[in-house]
Amino acid sequence: MFIHFKYKLKMVLVLSCSNCAEPEVWHVVANAVGVRRIAKAGRISADGFRTPRVTLLLGDDAWVHHVDNGIRYTFDITKCMFSSGNITEKLRVSSFDCRGEVVVDLYAGIGYFALPFLVHAGAAYVHACEWNPHALDALMKNLELNKVSDRCKVHSGDNQQLLLRNLADRVNLGLIPNSEEGWPVACKLLKEDRGGILHIHNNVSLFPAKRDSLVNKKNNNARSRKEQQQHLTEMELARSNSEMTSPASTYALQSIAIEENTPDLRWKDNKSQFESNCGTCCEKKRVTNPEWQVWAESTALRIRNILETHHKKPWSTNILHIEYVKSYAPYIDHVVLDLECRPCDNN
């Protein structure tokens, strides 16, 4: 029998194991590590709810309690996904200054990011959207546990049907492998007079064999930034005109992550900026990983096109930051793009 420690919650040990058919072993394991319940974790279900395949091996109550950075969470471990690898992003969100801001979390889950926005970042109000009934149950409990329910409205159901418009200073799109279906909704949520910031999660992945057919690095290096911008715009327009909405086209401008678990090596200290006059620009830190940068630039262009189509006027998008969260494999990185979106008459 192979046992792999996955993560530990309060009084619950979650394991990955190849053979869990020996119940007498679990009492010994529980006593050794100081827990009362043990669960076996499998892959996340592809059911639209990201339901975990978790089975209790020891114990009867599947509801667990967990504390991250002073925030209390409770949820049914067999019904709601929990990712211990997202702690760095939750800490980063907690460091934001969102005083006076309205935040919309389009994929709230049990409150992974909605709660840090409320408890630590100081958001004035959060709209939390979720369609998993089990996650909704946990989200309501967690808002009460952390005494912030008076500053949050929960919207149940498909966020594509959300009626909110023109109210958000920030929109969090914390769905992976990508949240592209939520981009038009997020653009409509931003304040029309001054825009706001989108926090876009994505798994950046592309195998080397496909890279040359999608991104001609030699030609890109020879182009000026303005020419690269024009090239990407033409690619995006071609994509829109041909209605390429399949998963393959979704990743058409994404590529592989070179290093794994070495985010400190992926950044330069130098600052740069390009195409800042009512267009798409990149400032602050320039990422040294070209695959992240390609994805971020193409995403910025696509978001700008959505904004201009919806609002019927020019908008600018500004790549503020690309945050590394975790790696699933040598060729898959979970990253977050902080994208500033402003109407051009507000510049």
Protein backbone atom coordinates (compact mmCIF):
# COMPACT_ATOMS: atom_id res chain seq x y z
CA MET A 1 0.00 0.00 0.00
CA PHE A 2 1.31 3.43 -0.99
CA ILE A 3 0.26 6.42 1.12
CA HIS A 4 0.95 10.01 0.11
CA PHE A 5 0.27 12.90 2.49
CA LYS A 6 -1.87 15.40 0.54
CA TYR A 7 -2.82 18.02 3.11
CA LYS A 8 -4.01 18.34 6.69
CA LEU A 9 -7.01 20.30 7.88
CA LYS A 10 -8.07 20.73 11.49
CA MET A 11 -8.49 17.20 12.86
CA VAL A 12 -8.62 15.75 9.34
CA LEU A 13 -5.84 14.15 7.33
CA VAL A 14 -6.34 13.95 3.54
CA LEU A 15 -4.30 11.33 1.71
CA SER A 16 -3.70 9.99 -1.76
CA CYS A 17 -3.27 6.24 -1.63
CA SER A 18 -3.12 3.42 -4.14
CA ASN A 19 -4.89 0.90 -1.93
CA CYS A 20 -7.08 2.00 0.97
CA ALA A 21 -8.78 -1.33 1.72
CA GLU A 22 -7.22 -1.86 5.16
CA PRO A 23 -9.40 0.04 7.67
CA GLU A 24 -7.50 -1.17 10.73
CA VAL A 25 -4.51 0.85 9.54
CA TRP A 26 -6.29 4.20 9.70
CA HIS A 27 -6.73 4.19 13.47
CA VAL A 28 -2.98 3.76 13.82
CA VAL A 29 -2.30 6.56 11.31
CA ALA A 30 -4.83 8.88 12.99
CA ASN A 31 -3.28 8.38 16.42
CA ALA A 32 0.21 8.91 15.02
CA VAL A 33 -0.56 12.27 13.41
CA GLY A 34 -3.12 13.49 15.94
CA VAL A 35 -6.34 13.54 13.90
CA ARG A 36 -9.79 12.01 14.30
CA ARG A 37 -10.74 11.64 10.66
CA ILE A 38 -8.91 10.46 7.55
CA ALA A 39 -10.05 10.93 3.97
CA LYS A 40 -8.86 9.66 0.60
CA ALA A 41 -8.63 12.22 -2.21
CA GLY A 42 -9.00 11.55 -5.92
CA ARG A 43 -9.15 13.76 -9.00
CA ILE A 44 -11.51 16.72 -9.23
CA SER A 45 -14.68 15.78 -11.11
CA ALA A 46 -15.32 17.37 -14.50
CA ASP A 47 -18.95 18.08 -13.61
CA GLY A 48 -18.96 21.87 -13.82
CA PHE A 49 -18.95 22.12 -10.02
CA ARG A 50 -15.34 20.90 -9.60
CA THR A 51 -16.67 18.37 -7.08
CA PRO A 52 -13.85 16.58 -5.23
CA ARG A 53 -13.70 12.81 -5.27
CA VAL A 54 -13.04 12.49 -1.55
CA THR A 55 -14.05 9.49 0.56
CA LEU A 56 -13.95 9.34 4.36
CA LEU A 57 -11.87 6.39 5.51
CA LEU A 58 -12.21 7.13 9.21
CA GLY A 59 -14.97 9.18 10.84
CA ASP A 60 -18.57 10.01 9.98
CA ASP A 61 -18.81 13.82 9.77
CA ALA A 62 -17.52 15.23 6.46
CA TRP A 63 -17.77 18.89 7.56
CA VAL A 64 -14.38 20.31 8.45
CA HIS A 65 -13.11 23.57 9.94
CA HIS A 66 -9.97 25.28 8.73
CA VAL A 67 -8.20 28.58 9.39
CA ASP A 68 -6.10 30.36 6.75
CA ASN A 69 -4.46 33.68 7.61
CA GLY A 70 -6.97 34.38 10.36
CA ILE A 71 -9.97 33.52 8.14
CA ARG A 72 -12.26 30.70 9.22
CA TYR A 73 -13.61 28.23 6.67
CA THR A 74 -16.04 25.36 7.10
CA PHE A 75 -17.18 23.03 4.33
CA ASP A 76 -18.11 19.45 3.47
CA ILE A 77 -14.83 17.91 2.35
CA THR A 78 -16.64 15.37 0.15
CA LYS A 79 -18.72 18.02 -1.66
CA CYS A 80 -16.51 21.14 -1.89
CA MET A 81 -13.06 21.53 -3.40
CA PHE A 82 -10.25 22.87 -1.24
CA SER A 83 -6.87 23.85 -2.69
CA SER A 84 -4.06 24.28 -0.19
CA GLY A 85 -1.82 25.44 -3.06
CA ASN A 86 -3.74 28.70 -3.44
CA ILE A 87 -2.61 30.06 -0.06
CA THR A 88 -0.04 32.42 -1.61
CA GLU A 89 -2.70 34.05 -3.79
CA LYS A 90 -5.07 34.36 -0.83
CA LEU A 91 -2.29 36.08 1.10
CA ARG A 92 -1.65 38.40 -1.85
CA VAL A 93 -5.33 39.33 -2.07
CA SER A 94 -5.29 39.99 1.67
CA SER A 95 -2.50 42.54 1.11
CA PHE A 96 -4.58 44.64 -1.34
CA ASP A 97 -5.98 47.98 -0.25
CA CYS A 98 -9.63 47.75 -1.34
CA ARG A 99 -11.10 50.30 1.04
CA GLY A 100 -14.14 51.94 -0.53
CA GLU A 101 -14.17 49.45 -3.41
CA VAL A 102 -16.88 47.15 -4.73
CA VAL A 103 -15.55 43.72 -5.67
CA VAL A 104 -17.27 40.97 -7.66
CA ASP A 105 -16.04 37.39 -7.26
CA LEU A 106 -17.44 35.51 -10.25
CA TYR A 107 -16.38 32.06 -9.01
CA ALA A 108 -16.64 32.39 -5.24
CA GLY A 109 -16.73 28.74 -4.15
CA ILE A 110 -16.70 28.58 -0.36
CA GLY A 111 -15.21 32.08 -0.19
CA TYR A 112 -11.54 31.38 -1.00
CA PHE A 113 -10.98 34.92 -2.28
CA ALA A 114 -14.21 36.72 -1.35
CA LEU A 115 -13.32 36.38 2.33
CA PRO A 116 -9.76 37.77 2.03
CA PHE A 117 -11.20 40.73 0.09
CA LEU A 118 -13.66 41.35 2.94
CA VAL A 119 -11.66 40.45 6.05
CA HIS A 120 -8.18 41.75 5.23
CA ALA A 121 -8.30 43.88 2.06
CA GLY A 122 -11.14 45.95 3.49
CA ALA A 123 -13.49 45.89 0.48
CA ALA A 124 -16.57 48.00 1.08
CA TYR A 125 -18.83 45.39 -0.52
CA VAL A 126 -18.43 42.06 -2.31
CA HIS A 127 -20.81 40.34 -4.70
CA ALA A 128 -20.07 36.60 -4.58
CA CYS A 129 -21.32 34.39 -7.43
CA GLU A 130 -21.52 30.61 -7.16
CA TRP A 131 -23.66 27.84 -8.65
CA ASN A 132 -22.58 24.77 -6.67
CA PRO A 133 -25.30 24.31 -4.01
CA HIS A 134 -22.87 22.67 -1.57
CA ALA A 135 -20.35 25.51 -1.97
CA LEU A 136 -23.16 28.04 -1.54
CA ASP A 137 -24.13 26.43 1.75
CA ALA A 138 -20.53 26.64 2.97
CA LEU A 139 -20.10 30.21 1.67
CA MET A 140 -23.09 31.44 3.68
CA LYS A 141 -21.74 29.76 6.81
CA ASN A 142 -18.27 31.22 6.25
CA LEU A 143 -19.58 34.76 5.85
CA GLU A 144 -21.35 34.38 9.18
CA LEU A 145 -18.32 32.78 10.85
CA ASN A 146 -16.14 35.73 9.85
CA LYS A 147 -18.83 38.33 10.66
CA VAL A 148 -18.82 39.91 7.19
CA SER A 149 -22.20 38.78 5.86
CA ASP A 150 -23.49 42.36 6.08
CA ARG A 151 -20.96 43.41 3.40
CA CYS A 152 -21.56 40.59 0.95
CA LYS A 153 -24.42 39.59 -1.31
CA VAL A 154 -24.40 36.02 -2.59
CA HIS A 155 -25.72 35.41 -6.11
CA SER A 156 -26.64 31.78 -6.71
CA GLY A 157 -26.75 30.21 -10.15
CA ASP A 158 -24.94 30.68 -13.45
CA ASN A 159 -22.95 33.94 -13.50
CA GLN A 160 -23.74 34.23 -17.22
CA GLN A 161 -27.25 35.21 -16.11
CA LEU A 162 -26.03 37.83 -13.64
CA LEU A 163 -27.99 41.07 -13.99
CA LEU A 164 -25.45 43.32 -12.27
CA ARG A 165 -23.78 46.01 -14.39
CA ASN A 166 -21.53 49.05 -13.99
CA LEU A 167 -20.62 48.73 -10.31
CA ALA A 168 -17.29 46.96 -9.81
CA ASP A 169 -13.88 48.39 -9.02
CA ARG A 170 -12.43 44.88 -9.21
CA VAL A 171 -13.58 41.55 -10.59
CA ASN A 172 -11.97 38.29 -9.51
CA LEU A 173 -12.04 35.45 -12.06
CA GLY A 174 -10.63 32.59 -10.03
CA LEU A 175 -11.56 29.66 -12.27
CA ILE A 176 -9.01 27.31 -13.81
CA PRO A 177 -7.98 26.03 -16.29
CA ASN A 178 -9.46 29.29 -17.61
CA SER A 179 -12.30 31.73 -17.00
CA GLU A 180 -12.86 32.93 -20.57
CA GLU A 181 -16.62 32.44 -20.43
CA GLY A 182 -16.69 34.99 -17.63
CA TRP A 183 -14.70 37.70 -19.44
CA PRO A 184 -17.71 39.41 -21.11
CA VAL A 185 -19.58 39.35 -17.78
CA ALA A 186 -16.58 40.86 -16.00
CA CYS A 187 -16.28 43.63 -18.59
CA LYS A 188 -19.93 44.59 -18.11
CA LEU A 189 -19.45 44.67 -14.34
CA LEU A 190 -16.64 47.24 -14.40
CA LYS A 191 -17.62 50.84 -13.76
CA GLU A 192 -18.29 52.55 -17.08
CA ASP A 193 -16.88 55.92 -16.06
CA ARG A 194 -13.52 54.78 -14.70
CA GLY A 195 -13.16 51.04 -15.23
CA GLY A 196 -11.26 48.89 -12.77
CA ILE A 197 -9.00 45.86 -12.34
CA LEU A 198 -9.55 42.26 -13.41
CA HIS A 199 -7.74 39.43 -11.60
CA ILE A 200 -7.70 36.66 -14.21
CA HIS A 201 -6.61 33.15 -13.25
CA ASN A 202 -5.36 30.80 -15.95
CA ASN A 203 -3.35 27.64 -16.51
CA VAL A 204 -0.68 28.54 -19.05
CA SER A 205 0.25 25.47 -21.01
CA LEU A 206 1.69 24.68 -24.42
CA PHE A 207 3.93 21.88 -25.55
CA PRO A 208 7.14 22.87 -27.37
CA ALA A 209 6.17 21.06 -30.56
CA LYS A 210 3.24 23.43 -31.08
CA ARG A 211 5.03 26.62 -30.12
CA ASP A 212 6.53 27.54 -33.49
CA SER A 213 3.21 27.18 -35.30
CA LEU A 214 1.54 29.67 -32.96
CA VAL A 215 4.24 32.15 -32.00
CA ASN A 216 7.08 32.88 -34.42
CA LYS A 217 9.64 34.01 -31.91
CA LYS A 218 12.20 34.99 -34.50
CA ASN A 219 9.77 37.30 -36.25
CA ASN A 220 8.45 38.65 -32.95
CA ASN A 221 11.95 39.53 -31.79
CA ALA A 222 12.50 41.46 -35.01
CA ARG A 223 9.31 43.47 -34.65
CA SER A 224 8.92 46.62 -32.66
CA ARG A 225 6.51 46.50 -29.77
CA LYS A 226 3.98 48.43 -31.79
CA GLU A 227 4.23 45.92 -34.62
CA GLN A 228 3.83 43.04 -32.19
CA GLN A 229 0.74 44.71 -30.80
CA GLN A 230 -0.73 45.11 -34.28
CA HIS A 231 0.12 41.48 -35.06
CA LEU A 232 -1.65 40.23 -31.95
CA THR A 233 -4.66 42.43 -32.67
CA GLU A 234 -4.95 40.96 -36.17
CA MET A 235 -4.74 37.46 -34.71
CA GLU A 236 -7.49 38.27 -32.22
CA LEU A 237 -9.74 39.76 -34.88
CA ALA A 238 -9.21 36.71 -37.05
CA ARG A 239 -10.08 34.52 -34.09
CA SER A 240 -13.27 36.47 -33.43
CA ASN A 241 -14.35 36.51 -37.07
CA SER A 242 -13.92 32.78 -37.44
CA GLU A 243 -15.74 32.14 -34.13
CA MET A 244 -12.99 29.96 -32.80
CA THR A 245 -14.37 29.16 -29.38
CA SER A 246 -13.13 25.60 -28.99
CA PRO A 247 -10.68 24.65 -26.20
CA ALA A 248 -7.94 24.38 -28.81
CA SER A 249 -8.36 28.00 -29.84
CA THR A 250 -8.62 29.05 -26.22
CA TYR A 251 -5.03 28.02 -25.77
CA ALA A 252 -3.84 29.20 -29.20
CA LEU A 253 -1.64 31.91 -27.73
CA GLN A 254 -0.59 30.12 -24.57
CA SER A 255 2.64 28.25 -24.09
CA ILE A 256 4.68 26.16 -21.73
CA ALA A 257 6.19 27.08 -18.39
CA ILE A 258 9.93 26.56 -18.45
CA GLU A 259 10.68 26.17 -14.76
CA GLU A 260 8.68 24.50 -12.00
CA ASN A 261 8.35 25.85 -8.47
CA THR A 262 10.93 28.62 -9.07
CA PRO A 263 8.85 31.81 -9.27
CA ASP A 264 11.70 33.93 -7.90
CA LEU A 265 13.71 33.26 -11.07
CA ARG A 266 10.96 34.47 -13.39
CA TRP A 267 11.13 38.17 -12.70
CA LYS A 268 13.39 41.07 -13.58
CA ASP A 269 13.73 44.21 -11.52
CA ASN A 270 13.72 46.53 -14.51
CA LYS A 271 10.54 48.38 -15.43
CA SER A 272 9.20 48.86 -18.90
CA GLN A 273 6.16 50.25 -20.62
CA PHE A 274 4.82 50.15 -24.15
CA GLU A 275 1.78 51.31 -26.11
CA SER A 276 0.43 53.27 -23.17
CA ASN A 277 -1.55 55.85 -25.11
CA CYS A 278 -5.03 54.35 -25.00
CA GLY A 279 -4.06 50.83 -25.97
CA THR A 280 -2.53 47.84 -24.28
CA CYS A 281 0.50 48.42 -22.12
CA CYS A 282 2.71 46.57 -19.71
CA GLU A 283 4.42 48.29 -16.82
CA LYS A 284 5.98 47.53 -13.47
CA LYS A 285 7.74 44.15 -13.62
CA ARG A 286 8.28 42.49 -16.98
CA VAL A 287 8.07 38.74 -16.66
CA THR A 288 11.06 36.79 -17.93
CA ASN A 289 8.93 33.76 -18.78
CA PRO A 290 7.89 34.43 -22.40
CA GLU A 291 4.92 32.06 -22.28
CA TRP A 292 3.25 33.98 -19.48
CA GLN A 293 3.91 37.23 -21.32
CA VAL A 294 2.44 35.97 -24.59
CA TRP A 295 -0.70 34.80 -22.81
CA ALA A 296 -1.00 38.06 -20.84
CA GLU A 297 -0.62 40.28 -23.92
CA SER A 298 -3.15 38.31 -25.95
CA THR A 299 -5.57 38.34 -23.00
CA ALA A 300 -5.17 42.10 -22.61
CA LEU A 301 -6.02 42.59 -26.28
CA ARG A 302 -9.03 40.33 -26.15
CA ILE A 303 -10.36 42.02 -23.02
CA ARG A 304 -9.90 45.42 -24.66
CA ASN A 305 -11.88 44.25 -27.70
CA ILE A 306 -14.70 43.01 -25.45
CA LEU A 307 -14.78 46.32 -23.57
CA GLU A 308 -14.83 48.41 -26.73
CA THR A 309 -17.53 46.24 -28.30
CA HIS A 310 -19.73 46.52 -25.22
CA HIS A 311 -19.20 50.20 -24.46
CA LYS A 312 -18.89 51.46 -28.07
CA LYS A 313 -15.86 53.58 -27.23
CA PRO A 314 -12.07 53.15 -26.88
CA TRP A 315 -10.64 51.50 -23.77
CA SER A 316 -7.09 50.82 -22.62
CA THR A 317 -5.78 47.71 -20.87
CA ASN A 318 -2.65 47.74 -18.76
CA ILE A 319 -0.81 44.62 -17.59
CA LEU A 320 0.02 45.47 -14.00
CA HIS A 321 1.38 42.15 -12.80
CA ILE A 322 1.53 38.41 -13.52
CA GLU A 323 1.53 36.34 -10.35
CA TYR A 324 2.78 32.76 -10.18
CA VAL A 325 0.54 30.60 -7.96
CA LYS A 326 1.65 27.00 -8.46
CA SER A 327 2.71 24.38 -10.99
CA TYR A 328 0.78 21.24 -11.83
CA ALA A 329 3.52 19.82 -14.04
CA PRO A 330 6.63 21.05 -15.82
CA TYR A 331 4.41 22.37 -18.62
CA ILE A 332 1.43 23.76 -16.68
CA ASP A 333 1.58 26.91 -14.54
CA HIS A 334 -1.31 28.46 -12.64
CA VAL A 335 -0.86 32.24 -12.89
CA VAL A 336 -2.96 35.34 -12.20
CA LEU A 337 -3.00 38.39 -14.44
CA ASP A 338 -3.78 41.74 -12.81
CA LEU A 339 -5.24 43.72 -15.70
CA GLU A 340 -6.14 47.40 -15.35
CA CYS A 341 -8.97 48.44 -17.66
CA ARG A 342 -9.80 52.13 -18.21
CA PRO A 343 -11.98 54.08 -20.67
CA CYS A 344 -9.74 56.27 -22.81
CA ASP A 345 -11.58 59.46 -21.92
CA ASN A 346 -10.56 58.72 -18.34
CA ASN A 347 -6.81 58.70 -19.09
